[in-house]
Amino acid sequence: MIAANNVTVRGLRLEGVSPSMVEDPSAIRVVEASGCRIENNVVDNAFFGIYLARATDCRVTGNMVHGSGQDEVTNGNGIHLWSSRGITIENNHVRGHRDGIYFEFVHDTRIAGNLSERNIRYGLHFMYSDDCSYENNRFVANASGVAVMYTRRVTMIGNRFEENWGPAAYGLLLKEIGESRLERNVFTHNTTGLLADGADRLIAEENVFRDNGWAVKLEASTSEAFFSKNQFLGNSFDVATNSREHSTRIEGNYWDDYRGYDLNRDGVGDVPYHPVRLFSMVVERHEPALILMRSLFTGMLDAAERVLPALTPETLVDARPLMRRPT
């Protein structure tokens, strides 16, 4: 355990920290210290890998933290922060833990350039952690990619959410967050790319949603969000919602399923695009209906709704769909 300021732990190999249900045994533990550097270490099969509690202004960089990947009982979190501030988590590789990276009551912290893959629960999970940013990370093949919960002013830029498959899996869950930004991220091959549940005043711009089951799910609890300059490519459903009334605004996105025209050639479609398919609303209420996904009936249902939209949400309409993909 490190309880002194300005300590550096570099280049060690640590392994075989046994699990405990009473304590949180860790390979490297920093408690009530500042200015510490945890760099270029290898941690194998430790219950908790790197654990910071009430730490400030520390750096955790270039570490390899690998758990067994068996179950949540025998694996804690790879990199765990509690009640800390001003931490940098950068260029680490975390695999096979309960949560790859976990934050609780953490503020003013930056997560950048990490690979968090094949974790049992989440690649990144944080709660009650305001004013943090995560940039240029990859979250691959976790049970679910990232969960950001009960948090304000989070910045999420340039991340990749990939191959997070499962009955309740998603690339990114935003639950009860406010005043946050989601920019230039890529969501590909997820059951659900983005699930926004109470994501108030979210700004989502220049993201790519490709080959997901559901690209974006907007719950009724999300209000005053704004989606612009995003690309929707090859998803089964681009946008789904459980409400016909929504304050979220969608404008100026590219939709590969858009079949409108552009008579004045300004790059913007002259016909509004309704991204919420009628069949997606049927599935929202009766999930077993997914078995009809590729049927002729489903195609006729959606075609009729496109011609005379009556049941899909009137507010979730892109009035300025892009004719060409943004560069």
C-alpha atoms as a PDB file:
ATOM      1  CA  MET A   1       0.000   0.000   0.000  1.00  0.00           C
ATOM      2  CA  ILE A   2       1.228   3.506  -0.888  1.00  0.00           C
ATOM      3  CA  ALA A   3       0.305   6.223   1.605  1.00  0.00           C
ATOM      4  CA  ALA A   4       3.067   8.763   0.865  1.00  0.00           C
ATOM      5  CA  ASN A   5       3.094  11.562  -1.688  1.00  0.00           C
ATOM      6  CA  ASN A   6       5.073  11.596  -4.947  1.00  0.00           C
ATOM      7  CA  VAL A   7       5.825   7.859  -5.025  1.00  0.00           C
ATOM      8  CA  THR A   8       6.599   6.162  -8.380  1.00  0.00           C
ATOM      9  CA  VAL A   9       5.891   2.476  -9.031  1.00  0.00           C
ATOM     10  CA  ARG A  10       7.396   1.520 -12.364  1.00  0.00           C
ATOM     11  CA  GLY A  11       8.266  -1.648 -14.280  1.00  0.00           C
ATOM     12  CA  LEU A  12       7.089  -4.268 -11.763  1.00  0.00           C
ATOM     13  CA  ARG A  13       5.352  -7.571 -12.426  1.00  0.00           C
ATOM     14  CA  LEU A  14       2.715  -8.420  -9.824  1.00  0.00           C
ATOM     15  CA  GLU A  15       0.447 -11.460  -9.846  1.00  0.00           C
ATOM     16  CA  GLY A  16      -1.706 -13.811  -7.824  1.00  0.00           C
ATOM     17  CA  VAL A  17      -3.609 -11.511  -5.407  1.00  0.00           C
ATOM     18  CA  SER A  18      -6.386 -13.724  -4.022  1.00  0.00           C
ATOM     19  CA  PRO A  19     -10.022 -12.575  -3.884  1.00  0.00           C
ATOM     20  CA  SER A  20     -11.750 -11.555  -0.658  1.00  0.00           C
ATOM     21  CA  MET A  21     -15.388 -10.743   0.097  1.00  0.00           C
ATOM     22  CA  VAL A  22     -14.466  -8.666   3.174  1.00  0.00           C
ATOM     23  CA  GLU A  23     -11.666  -6.457   1.839  1.00  0.00           C
ATOM     24  CA  ASP A  24     -10.570  -5.284  -1.612  1.00  0.00           C
ATOM     25  CA  PRO A  25      -7.069  -6.769  -1.950  1.00  0.00           C
ATOM     26  CA  SER A  26      -5.112  -5.072  -4.737  1.00  0.00           C
ATOM     27  CA  ALA A  27      -1.799  -5.501  -6.510  1.00  0.00           C
ATOM     28  CA  ILE A  28      -1.098  -1.739  -6.202  1.00  0.00           C
ATOM     29  CA  ARG A  29      -3.057   0.399  -3.747  1.00  0.00           C
ATOM     30  CA  VAL A  30      -2.731   4.174  -3.236  1.00  0.00           C
ATOM     31  CA  VAL A  31      -4.560   5.696  -0.246  1.00  0.00           C
ATOM     32  CA  GLU A  32      -4.729   9.376   0.715  1.00  0.00           C
ATOM     33  CA  ALA A  33      -1.687  10.316  -1.360  1.00  0.00           C
ATOM     34  CA  SER A  34      -0.965  12.824  -4.126  1.00  0.00           C
ATOM     35  CA  GLY A  35       1.468  13.100  -7.009  1.00  0.00           C
ATOM     36  CA  CYS A  36       2.008   9.336  -7.390  1.00  0.00           C
ATOM     37  CA  ARG A  37       2.917   7.665 -10.679  1.00  0.00           C
ATOM     38  CA  ILE A  38       1.963   4.076 -11.507  1.00  0.00           C
ATOM     39  CA  GLU A  39       3.718   3.345 -14.802  1.00  0.00           C
ATOM     40  CA  ASN A  40       4.478   0.415 -17.106  1.00  0.00           C
ATOM     41  CA  ASN A  41       3.658  -2.372 -14.661  1.00  0.00           C
ATOM     42  CA  VAL A  42       2.221  -5.811 -15.451  1.00  0.00           C
ATOM     43  CA  VAL A  43      -0.528  -7.081 -13.152  1.00  0.00           C
ATOM     44  CA  ASP A  44      -1.804 -10.637 -13.673  1.00  0.00           C
ATOM     45  CA  ASN A  45      -4.664 -12.400 -11.884  1.00  0.00           C
ATOM     46  CA  ALA A  46      -5.050  -9.912  -9.059  1.00  0.00           C
ATOM     47  CA  PHE A  47      -8.480  -9.467  -7.466  1.00  0.00           C
ATOM     48  CA  PHE A  48      -8.213  -5.674  -7.871  1.00  0.00           C
ATOM     49  CA  GLY A  49      -5.393  -4.512 -10.128  1.00  0.00           C
ATOM     50  CA  ILE A  50      -4.664  -0.841  -9.376  1.00  0.00           C
ATOM     51  CA  TYR A  51      -6.746   0.800  -6.628  1.00  0.00           C
ATOM     52  CA  LEU A  52      -6.732   4.530  -5.773  1.00  0.00           C
ATOM     53  CA  ALA A  53      -8.735   5.842  -2.814  1.00  0.00           C
ATOM     54  CA  ARG A  54      -8.843   9.525  -1.814  1.00  0.00           C
ATOM     55  CA  ALA A  55      -5.907  10.194  -4.149  1.00  0.00           C
ATOM     56  CA  THR A  56      -5.155  13.444  -5.986  1.00  0.00           C
ATOM     57  CA  ASP A  57      -3.066  14.420  -9.004  1.00  0.00           C
ATOM     58  CA  CYS A  58      -1.786  10.898  -9.733  1.00  0.00           C
ATOM     59  CA  ARG A  59      -0.971   9.228 -13.059  1.00  0.00           C
ATOM     60  CA  VAL A  60      -1.735   5.616 -14.027  1.00  0.00           C
ATOM     61  CA  THR A  61      -0.112   5.050 -17.414  1.00  0.00           C
ATOM     62  CA  GLY A  62       1.124   2.229 -19.637  1.00  0.00           C
ATOM     63  CA  ASN A  63       0.099  -0.659 -17.388  1.00  0.00           C
ATOM     64  CA  MET A  64      -1.139  -4.111 -18.419  1.00  0.00           C
ATOM     65  CA  VAL A  65      -3.827  -5.331 -16.016  1.00  0.00           C
ATOM     66  CA  HIS A  66      -5.223  -8.775 -16.847  1.00  0.00           C
ATOM     67  CA  GLY A  67      -7.713 -10.778 -14.803  1.00  0.00           C
ATOM     68  CA  SER A  68      -8.874 -14.350 -15.246  1.00  0.00           C
ATOM     69  CA  GLY A  69     -12.188 -13.338 -16.860  1.00  0.00           C
ATOM     70  CA  GLN A  70     -14.032 -16.174 -15.115  1.00  0.00           C
ATOM     71  CA  ASP A  71     -16.696 -14.497 -12.962  1.00  0.00           C
ATOM     72  CA  GLU A  72     -17.468 -11.437 -10.825  1.00  0.00           C
ATOM     73  CA  VAL A  73     -16.770 -13.294  -7.577  1.00  0.00           C
ATOM     74  CA  THR A  74     -13.110 -13.981  -8.337  1.00  0.00           C
ATOM     75  CA  ASN A  75     -12.387 -10.728 -10.210  1.00  0.00           C
ATOM     76  CA  GLY A  76     -12.581  -7.190  -8.893  1.00  0.00           C
ATOM     77  CA  ASN A  77     -11.996  -4.135 -11.075  1.00  0.00           C
ATOM     78  CA  GLY A  78      -8.882  -3.639 -13.163  1.00  0.00           C
ATOM     79  CA  ILE A  79      -8.315   0.060 -12.393  1.00  0.00           C
ATOM     80  CA  HIS A  80     -10.488   1.289  -9.517  1.00  0.00           C
ATOM     81  CA  LEU A  81     -10.819   4.906  -8.331  1.00  0.00           C
ATOM     82  CA  TRP A  82     -12.819   6.044  -5.329  1.00  0.00           C
ATOM     83  CA  SER A  83     -13.239   9.591  -4.012  1.00  0.00           C
ATOM     84  CA  SER A  84     -10.283  10.918  -5.994  1.00  0.00           C
ATOM     85  CA  ARG A  85      -9.525  14.023  -8.043  1.00  0.00           C
ATOM     86  CA  GLY A  86      -7.208  15.097 -10.841  1.00  0.00           C
ATOM     87  CA  ILE A  87      -6.173  11.596 -11.959  1.00  0.00           C
ATOM     88  CA  THR A  88      -4.855  10.665 -15.410  1.00  0.00           C
ATOM     89  CA  ILE A  89      -5.587   7.113 -16.661  1.00  0.00           C
ATOM     90  CA  GLU A  90      -3.706   6.751 -19.949  1.00  0.00           C
ATOM     91  CA  ASN A  91      -2.525   4.050 -22.384  1.00  0.00           C
ATOM     92  CA  ASN A  92      -3.390   1.073 -20.175  1.00  0.00           C
ATOM     93  CA  HIS A  93      -4.567  -2.358 -21.347  1.00  0.00           C
ATOM     94  CA  VAL A  94      -7.219  -3.881 -19.089  1.00  0.00           C
ATOM     95  CA  ARG A  95      -8.784  -7.279 -19.722  1.00  0.00           C
ATOM     96  CA  GLY A  96     -10.747  -9.978 -17.925  1.00  0.00           C
ATOM     97  CA  HIS A  97     -11.861  -8.042 -14.812  1.00  0.00           C
ATOM     98  CA  ARG A  98     -15.315  -7.328 -13.389  1.00  0.00           C
ATOM     99  CA  ASP A  99     -15.158  -3.740 -14.683  1.00  0.00           C
ATOM    100  CA  GLY A 100     -12.116  -2.733 -16.668  1.00  0.00           C
ATOM    101  CA  ILE A 101     -12.031   0.811 -15.250  1.00  0.00           C
ATOM    102  CA  TYR A 102     -14.308   1.901 -12.404  1.00  0.00           C
ATOM    103  CA  PHE A 103     -14.926   5.402 -10.956  1.00  0.00           C
ATOM    104  CA  GLU A 104     -17.040   6.468  -8.003  1.00  0.00           C
ATOM    105  CA  PHE A 105     -17.041  10.017  -6.576  1.00  0.00           C
ATOM    106  CA  VAL A 106     -14.165  10.996  -8.870  1.00  0.00           C
ATOM    107  CA  HIS A 107     -13.748  14.502 -10.309  1.00  0.00           C
ATOM    108  CA  ASP A 108     -11.613  16.367 -12.853  1.00  0.00           C
ATOM    109  CA  THR A 109     -10.105  13.156 -14.211  1.00  0.00           C
ATOM    110  CA  ARG A 110      -8.991  12.201 -17.738  1.00  0.00           C
ATOM    111  CA  ILE A 111      -9.114   8.720 -19.297  1.00  0.00           C
ATOM    112  CA  ALA A 112      -7.279   8.558 -22.633  1.00  0.00           C
ATOM    113  CA  GLY A 113      -5.841   5.991 -25.032  1.00  0.00           C
ATOM    114  CA  ASN A 114      -6.803   2.886 -23.048  1.00  0.00           C
ATOM    115  CA  LEU A 115      -7.922  -0.506 -24.365  1.00  0.00           C
ATOM    116  CA  SER A 116     -10.507  -2.154 -22.132  1.00  0.00           C
ATOM    117  CA  GLU A 117     -11.672  -5.479 -23.527  1.00  0.00           C
ATOM    118  CA  ARG A 118     -13.402  -8.737 -22.608  1.00  0.00           C
ATOM    119  CA  ASN A 119     -14.371  -7.647 -19.133  1.00  0.00           C
ATOM    120  CA  ILE A 120     -17.135  -9.467 -17.313  1.00  0.00           C
ATOM    121  CA  ARG A 121     -19.409  -6.471 -16.797  1.00  0.00           C
ATOM    122  CA  TYR A 122     -18.300  -3.072 -18.182  1.00  0.00           C
ATOM    123  CA  GLY A 123     -15.260  -1.790 -20.020  1.00  0.00           C
ATOM    124  CA  LEU A 124     -15.680   1.504 -18.128  1.00  0.00           C
ATOM    125  CA  HIS A 125     -18.174   2.206 -15.353  1.00  0.00           C
ATOM    126  CA  PHE A 126     -18.473   5.449 -13.465  1.00  0.00           C
ATOM    127  CA  MET A 127     -20.982   7.059 -11.131  1.00  0.00           C
ATOM    128  CA  TYR A 128     -21.225  10.394  -9.320  1.00  0.00           C
ATOM    129  CA  SER A 129     -18.081  11.588 -11.114  1.00  0.00           C
ATOM    130  CA  ASP A 130     -18.497  15.108 -12.503  1.00  0.00           C
ATOM    131  CA  ASP A 131     -16.225  17.051 -14.862  1.00  0.00           C
ATOM    132  CA  CYS A 132     -14.368  14.035 -16.251  1.00  0.00           C
ATOM    133  CA  SER A 133     -13.368  13.307 -19.838  1.00  0.00           C
ATOM    134  CA  TYR A 134     -12.579  10.154 -21.753  1.00  0.00           C
ATOM    135  CA  GLU A 135     -10.903  10.374 -25.130  1.00  0.00           C
ATOM    136  CA  ASN A 136      -9.580   7.976 -27.785  1.00  0.00           C
ATOM    137  CA  ASN A 137     -10.232   4.786 -25.811  1.00  0.00           C
ATOM    138  CA  ARG A 138     -11.386   1.408 -27.184  1.00  0.00           C
ATOM    139  CA  PHE A 139     -14.027  -0.664 -25.419  1.00  0.00           C
ATOM    140  CA  VAL A 140     -14.213  -4.048 -27.133  1.00  0.00           C
ATOM    141  CA  ALA A 141     -16.226  -7.244 -26.507  1.00  0.00           C
ATOM    142  CA  ASN A 142     -17.246  -6.463 -22.933  1.00  0.00           C
ATOM    143  CA  ALA A 143     -20.557  -7.684 -21.519  1.00  0.00           C
ATOM    144  CA  SER A 144     -21.477  -4.015 -21.932  1.00  0.00           C
ATOM    145  CA  GLY A 145     -19.167  -1.276 -23.110  1.00  0.00           C
ATOM    146  CA  VAL A 146     -19.450   1.828 -20.912  1.00  0.00           C
ATOM    147  CA  ALA A 147     -21.939   3.005 -18.281  1.00  0.00           C
ATOM    148  CA  VAL A 148     -21.935   6.678 -17.223  1.00  0.00           C
ATOM    149  CA  MET A 149     -24.415   7.223 -14.412  1.00  0.00           C
ATOM    150  CA  TYR A 150     -25.599  10.053 -12.128  1.00  0.00           C
ATOM    151  CA  THR A 151     -22.943  12.416 -13.434  1.00  0.00           C
ATOM    152  CA  ARG A 152     -22.690  15.906 -14.926  1.00  0.00           C
ATOM    153  CA  ARG A 153     -20.443  17.602 -17.477  1.00  0.00           C
ATOM    154  CA  VAL A 154     -18.802  14.534 -18.998  1.00  0.00           C
ATOM    155  CA  THR A 155     -16.866  14.873 -22.264  1.00  0.00           C
ATOM    156  CA  MET A 156     -16.612  11.758 -24.485  1.00  0.00           C
ATOM    157  CA  ILE A 157     -14.508  12.259 -27.633  1.00  0.00           C
ATOM    158  CA  GLY A 158     -12.963   9.924 -30.199  1.00  0.00           C
ATOM    159  CA  ASN A 159     -13.731   6.611 -28.462  1.00  0.00           C
ATOM    160  CA  ARG A 160     -14.605   3.294 -30.093  1.00  0.00           C
ATOM    161  CA  PHE A 161     -17.367   1.034 -28.767  1.00  0.00           C
ATOM    162  CA  GLU A 162     -17.114  -2.333 -30.519  1.00  0.00           C
ATOM    163  CA  GLU A 163     -18.506  -5.863 -30.370  1.00  0.00           C
ATOM    164  CA  ASN A 164     -20.533  -5.456 -27.180  1.00  0.00           C
ATOM    165  CA  TRP A 165     -23.176  -8.129 -27.815  1.00  0.00           C
ATOM    166  CA  GLY A 166     -25.807  -9.659 -25.543  1.00  0.00           C
ATOM    167  CA  PRO A 167     -29.519  -9.524 -24.682  1.00  0.00           C
ATOM    168  CA  ALA A 168     -29.027  -6.353 -22.591  1.00  0.00           C
ATOM    169  CA  ALA A 169     -25.674  -5.165 -23.979  1.00  0.00           C
ATOM    170  CA  TYR A 170     -24.848  -1.716 -25.300  1.00  0.00           C
ATOM    171  CA  GLY A 171     -21.833   0.251 -26.372  1.00  0.00           C
ATOM    172  CA  LEU A 172     -22.643   3.226 -24.137  1.00  0.00           C
ATOM    173  CA  LEU A 173     -25.275   3.768 -21.446  1.00  0.00           C
ATOM    174  CA  LEU A 174     -25.931   7.333 -20.314  1.00  0.00           C
ATOM    175  CA  LYS A 175     -28.202   7.240 -17.276  1.00  0.00           C
ATOM    176  CA  GLU A 176     -29.280  10.334 -15.355  1.00  0.00           C
ATOM    177  CA  ILE A 177     -26.502  12.566 -16.657  1.00  0.00           C
ATOM    178  CA  GLY A 178     -26.591  16.235 -17.611  1.00  0.00           C
ATOM    179  CA  GLU A 179     -24.800  18.789 -19.764  1.00  0.00           C
ATOM    180  CA  SER A 180     -22.468  16.312 -21.438  1.00  0.00           C
ATOM    181  CA  ARG A 181     -20.905  16.007 -24.897  1.00  0.00           C
ATOM    182  CA  LEU A 182     -20.510  12.987 -27.181  1.00  0.00           C
ATOM    183  CA  GLU A 183     -18.306  13.772 -30.185  1.00  0.00           C
ATOM    184  CA  ARG A 184     -16.458  11.860 -32.941  1.00  0.00           C
ATOM    185  CA  ASN A 185     -17.022   8.421 -31.414  1.00  0.00           C
ATOM    186  CA  VAL A 186     -17.542   5.192 -33.368  1.00  0.00           C
ATOM    187  CA  PHE A 187     -20.191   2.640 -32.369  1.00  0.00           C
ATOM    188  CA  THR A 188     -19.936  -0.575 -34.354  1.00  0.00           C
ATOM    189  CA  HIS A 189     -21.306  -4.110 -33.942  1.00  0.00           C
ATOM    190  CA  ASN A 190     -23.156  -3.553 -30.658  1.00  0.00           C
ATOM    191  CA  THR A 191     -26.593  -4.839 -29.709  1.00  0.00           C
ATOM    192  CA  THR A 192     -27.400  -1.210 -28.869  1.00  0.00           C
ATOM    193  CA  GLY A 193     -24.903   1.503 -29.738  1.00  0.00           C
ATOM    194  CA  LEU A 194     -26.123   4.291 -27.444  1.00  0.00           C
ATOM    195  CA  LEU A 195     -28.798   3.988 -24.756  1.00  0.00           C
ATOM    196  CA  ALA A 196     -29.800   7.421 -23.443  1.00  0.00           C
ATOM    197  CA  ASP A 197     -31.919   7.158 -20.284  1.00  0.00           C
ATOM    198  CA  GLY A 198     -32.202  10.548 -18.616  1.00  0.00           C
ATOM    199  CA  ALA A 199     -29.368  12.101 -20.677  1.00  0.00           C
ATOM    200  CA  ASP A 200     -30.541  15.698 -20.343  1.00  0.00           C
ATOM    201  CA  ARG A 201     -29.080  18.391 -22.606  1.00  0.00           C
ATOM    202  CA  LEU A 202     -26.750  15.895 -24.257  1.00  0.00           C
ATOM    203  CA  ILE A 203     -24.961  17.149 -27.378  1.00  0.00           C
ATOM    204  CA  ALA A 204     -24.060  14.305 -29.778  1.00  0.00           C
ATOM    205  CA  GLU A 205     -22.167  15.388 -32.885  1.00  0.00           C
ATOM    206  CA  GLU A 206     -20.027  13.741 -35.584  1.00  0.00           C
ATOM    207  CA  ASN A 207     -20.422  10.209 -34.248  1.00  0.00           C
ATOM    208  CA  VAL A 208     -20.591   7.121 -36.468  1.00  0.00           C
ATOM    209  CA  PHE A 209     -23.140   4.376 -35.757  1.00  0.00           C
ATOM    210  CA  ARG A 210     -22.375   1.391 -37.983  1.00  0.00           C
ATOM    211  CA  ASP A 211     -23.808  -2.158 -38.105  1.00  0.00           C
ATOM    212  CA  ASN A 212     -25.493  -2.107 -34.701  1.00  0.00           C
ATOM    213  CA  GLY A 213     -28.789  -3.717 -33.784  1.00  0.00           C
ATOM    214  CA  TRP A 214     -30.169  -0.446 -32.429  1.00  0.00           C
ATOM    215  CA  ALA A 215     -27.945   2.545 -33.155  1.00  0.00           C
ATOM    216  CA  VAL A 216     -29.611   4.882 -30.636  1.00  0.00           C
ATOM    217  CA  LYS A 217     -32.302   4.218 -28.051  1.00  0.00           C
ATOM    218  CA  LEU A 218     -33.819   7.413 -26.663  1.00  0.00           C
ATOM    219  CA  GLU A 219     -35.862   6.820 -23.542  1.00  0.00           C
ATOM    220  CA  ALA A 220     -38.673   9.199 -22.663  1.00  0.00           C
ATOM    221  CA  SER A 221     -36.633  10.364 -19.655  1.00  0.00           C
ATOM    222  CA  THR A 222     -34.066  12.037 -21.970  1.00  0.00           C
ATOM    223  CA  SER A 223     -34.865  15.695 -22.615  1.00  0.00           C
ATOM    224  CA  GLU A 224     -33.421  18.522 -24.705  1.00  0.00           C
ATOM    225  CA  ALA A 225     -30.720  16.408 -26.323  1.00  0.00           C
ATOM    226  CA  PHE A 226     -29.319  17.412 -29.731  1.00  0.00           C
ATOM    227  CA  PHE A 227     -28.035  15.068 -32.464  1.00  0.00           C
ATOM    228  CA  SER A 228     -26.250  16.581 -35.466  1.00  0.00           C
ATOM    229  CA  LYS A 229     -23.662  15.588 -38.126  1.00  0.00           C
ATOM    230  CA  ASN A 230     -23.819  11.934 -37.090  1.00  0.00           C
ATOM    231  CA  GLN A 231     -23.669   9.027 -39.533  1.00  0.00           C
ATOM    232  CA  PHE A 232     -26.050   6.069 -39.406  1.00  0.00           C
ATOM    233  CA  LEU A 233     -24.852   3.162 -41.537  1.00  0.00           C
ATOM    234  CA  GLY A 234     -26.177  -0.389 -41.793  1.00  0.00           C
ATOM    235  CA  ASN A 235     -28.025  -0.490 -38.461  1.00  0.00           C
ATOM    236  CA  SER A 236     -31.123  -2.638 -38.033  1.00  0.00           C
ATOM    237  CA  PHE A 237     -32.809   0.318 -36.303  1.00  0.00           C
ATOM    238  CA  ASP A 238     -31.324   3.818 -36.426  1.00  0.00           C
ATOM    239  CA  VAL A 239     -33.400   5.403 -33.656  1.00  0.00           C
ATOM    240  CA  ALA A 240     -35.881   3.804 -31.265  1.00  0.00           C
ATOM    241  CA  THR A 241     -37.891   5.307 -28.433  1.00  0.00           C
ATOM    242  CA  ASN A 242     -40.556   4.379 -25.929  1.00  0.00           C
ATOM    243  CA  SER A 243     -42.401   7.696 -26.256  1.00  0.00           C
ATOM    244  CA  ARG A 244     -44.291   9.560 -28.977  1.00  0.00           C
ATOM    245  CA  GLU A 245     -43.499  12.929 -27.371  1.00  0.00           C
ATOM    246  CA  HIS A 246     -39.856  13.959 -27.250  1.00  0.00           C
ATOM    247  CA  SER A 247     -37.921  17.202 -26.699  1.00  0.00           C
ATOM    248  CA  THR A 248     -34.775  15.781 -28.305  1.00  0.00           C
ATOM    249  CA  ARG A 249     -33.803  17.526 -31.558  1.00  0.00           C
ATOM    250  CA  ILE A 250     -32.337  15.669 -34.533  1.00  0.00           C
ATOM    251  CA  GLU A 251     -30.962  17.771 -37.388  1.00  0.00           C
ATOM    252  CA  GLY A 252     -28.393  17.513 -40.171  1.00  0.00           C
ATOM    253  CA  ASN A 253     -27.396  13.842 -39.881  1.00  0.00           C
ATOM    254  CA  TYR A 254     -26.545  11.313 -42.597  1.00  0.00           C
ATOM    255  CA  TRP A 255     -28.864   8.308 -42.909  1.00  0.00           C
ATOM    256  CA  ASP A 256     -27.949   5.536 -45.337  1.00  0.00           C
ATOM    257  CA  ASP A 257     -31.638   4.600 -45.625  1.00  0.00           C
ATOM    258  CA  TYR A 258     -32.727   8.095 -46.702  1.00  0.00           C
ATOM    259  CA  ARG A 259     -34.393   8.114 -50.128  1.00  0.00           C
ATOM    260  CA  GLY A 260     -35.167  11.823 -50.515  1.00  0.00           C
ATOM    261  CA  TYR A 261     -33.939  14.284 -53.118  1.00  0.00           C
ATOM    262  CA  ASP A 262     -32.041  17.579 -53.242  1.00  0.00           C
ATOM    263  CA  LEU A 263     -33.409  19.812 -56.006  1.00  0.00           C
ATOM    264  CA  ASN A 264     -31.345  22.899 -55.136  1.00  0.00           C
ATOM    265  CA  ARG A 265     -28.178  20.814 -54.645  1.00  0.00           C
ATOM    266  CA  ASP A 266     -27.214  22.361 -51.337  1.00  0.00           C
ATOM    267  CA  GLY A 267     -26.337  18.953 -49.858  1.00  0.00           C
ATOM    268  CA  VAL A 268     -29.455  18.848 -47.686  1.00  0.00           C
ATOM    269  CA  GLY A 269     -32.444  16.668 -48.465  1.00  0.00           C
ATOM    270  CA  ASP A 270     -35.670  18.468 -49.354  1.00  0.00           C
ATOM    271  CA  VAL A 271     -37.815  15.806 -47.675  1.00  0.00           C
ATOM    272  CA  PRO A 272     -37.618  15.297 -43.884  1.00  0.00           C
ATOM    273  CA  TYR A 273     -36.438  11.903 -42.678  1.00  0.00           C
ATOM    274  CA  HIS A 274     -38.274   9.902 -40.015  1.00  0.00           C
ATOM    275  CA  PRO A 275     -35.602   7.679 -38.402  1.00  0.00           C
ATOM    276  CA  VAL A 276     -37.968   5.912 -35.990  1.00  0.00           C
ATOM    277  CA  ARG A 277     -39.416   2.927 -37.829  1.00  0.00           C
ATOM    278  CA  LEU A 278     -42.927   1.878 -36.994  1.00  0.00           C
ATOM    279  CA  PHE A 279     -41.694  -1.686 -36.567  1.00  0.00           C
ATOM    280  CA  SER A 280     -39.181  -0.511 -33.939  1.00  0.00           C
ATOM    281  CA  MET A 281     -42.094   0.824 -31.879  1.00  0.00           C
ATOM    282  CA  VAL A 282     -43.834  -2.536 -32.210  1.00  0.00           C
ATOM    283  CA  VAL A 283     -40.682  -4.294 -31.012  1.00  0.00           C
ATOM    284  CA  GLU A 284     -40.364  -1.839 -28.109  1.00  0.00           C
ATOM    285  CA  ARG A 285     -43.694  -3.083 -26.786  1.00  0.00           C
ATOM    286  CA  HIS A 286     -43.502  -6.722 -27.945  1.00  0.00           C
ATOM    287  CA  GLU A 287     -39.893  -7.855 -28.240  1.00  0.00           C
ATOM    288  CA  PRO A 288     -40.704 -11.337 -29.639  1.00  0.00           C
ATOM    289  CA  ALA A 289     -41.915  -9.521 -32.767  1.00  0.00           C
ATOM    290  CA  LEU A 290     -38.235  -9.335 -33.768  1.00  0.00           C
ATOM    291  CA  ILE A 291     -38.740 -12.712 -35.408  1.00  0.00           C
ATOM    292  CA  LEU A 292     -40.573 -10.818 -38.181  1.00  0.00           C
ATOM    293  CA  MET A 293     -37.631  -8.469 -38.741  1.00  0.00           C
ATOM    294  CA  ARG A 294     -36.913  -9.501 -42.371  1.00  0.00           C
ATOM    295  CA  SER A 295     -40.478 -10.351 -43.349  1.00  0.00           C
ATOM    296  CA  LEU A 296     -42.515  -8.828 -46.179  1.00  0.00           C
ATOM    297  CA  PHE A 297     -45.051  -7.633 -43.602  1.00  0.00           C
ATOM    298  CA  THR A 298     -42.427  -5.528 -41.832  1.00  0.00           C
ATOM    299  CA  GLY A 299     -41.309  -3.912 -45.076  1.00  0.00           C
ATOM    300  CA  MET A 300     -44.904  -3.028 -45.982  1.00  0.00           C
ATOM    301  CA  LEU A 301     -45.521  -1.626 -42.496  1.00  0.00           C
ATOM    302  CA  ASP A 302     -42.513   0.684 -42.648  1.00  0.00           C
ATOM    303  CA  ALA A 303     -43.223   1.704 -46.252  1.00  0.00           C
ATOM    304  CA  ALA A 304     -46.749   2.746 -45.332  1.00  0.00           C
ATOM    305  CA  GLU A 305     -45.492   4.767 -42.377  1.00  0.00           C
ATOM    306  CA  ARG A 306     -42.917   6.562 -44.548  1.00  0.00           C
ATOM    307  CA  VAL A 307     -45.617   7.635 -46.998  1.00  0.00           C
ATOM    308  CA  LEU A 308     -48.132   8.706 -44.349  1.00  0.00           C
ATOM    309  CA  PRO A 309     -46.344   9.062 -40.996  1.00  0.00           C
ATOM    310  CA  ALA A 310     -48.970   8.918 -38.300  1.00  0.00           C
ATOM    311  CA  LEU A 311     -47.761   6.713 -35.454  1.00  0.00           C
ATOM    312  CA  THR A 312     -44.026   7.420 -35.188  1.00  0.00           C
ATOM    313  CA  PRO A 313     -42.927  10.428 -33.073  1.00  0.00           C
ATOM    314  CA  GLU A 314     -43.480  13.730 -34.873  1.00  0.00           C
ATOM    315  CA  THR A 315     -40.679  15.442 -32.955  1.00  0.00           C
ATOM    316  CA  LEU A 316     -37.971  12.867 -33.769  1.00  0.00           C
ATOM    317  CA  VAL A 317     -37.647  13.946 -37.393  1.00  0.00           C
ATOM    318  CA  ASP A 318     -34.533  15.143 -39.204  1.00  0.00           C
ATOM    319  CA  ALA A 319     -35.763  18.114 -41.250  1.00  0.00           C
ATOM    320  CA  ARG A 320     -32.317  18.639 -42.814  1.00  0.00           C
ATOM    321  CA  PRO A 321     -30.894  15.178 -43.610  1.00  0.00           C
ATOM    322  CA  LEU A 322     -27.525  15.171 -45.328  1.00  0.00           C
ATOM    323  CA  MET A 323     -27.330  13.785 -48.857  1.00  0.00           C
ATOM    324  CA  ARG A 324     -23.655  12.791 -48.526  1.00  0.00           C
ATOM    325  CA  ARG A 325     -21.608  11.347 -45.697  1.00  0.00           C
ATOM    326  CA  PRO A 326     -19.574  13.988 -43.827  1.00  0.00           C
ATOM    327  CA  THR A 327     -15.822  13.701 -44.296  1.00  0.00           C
END
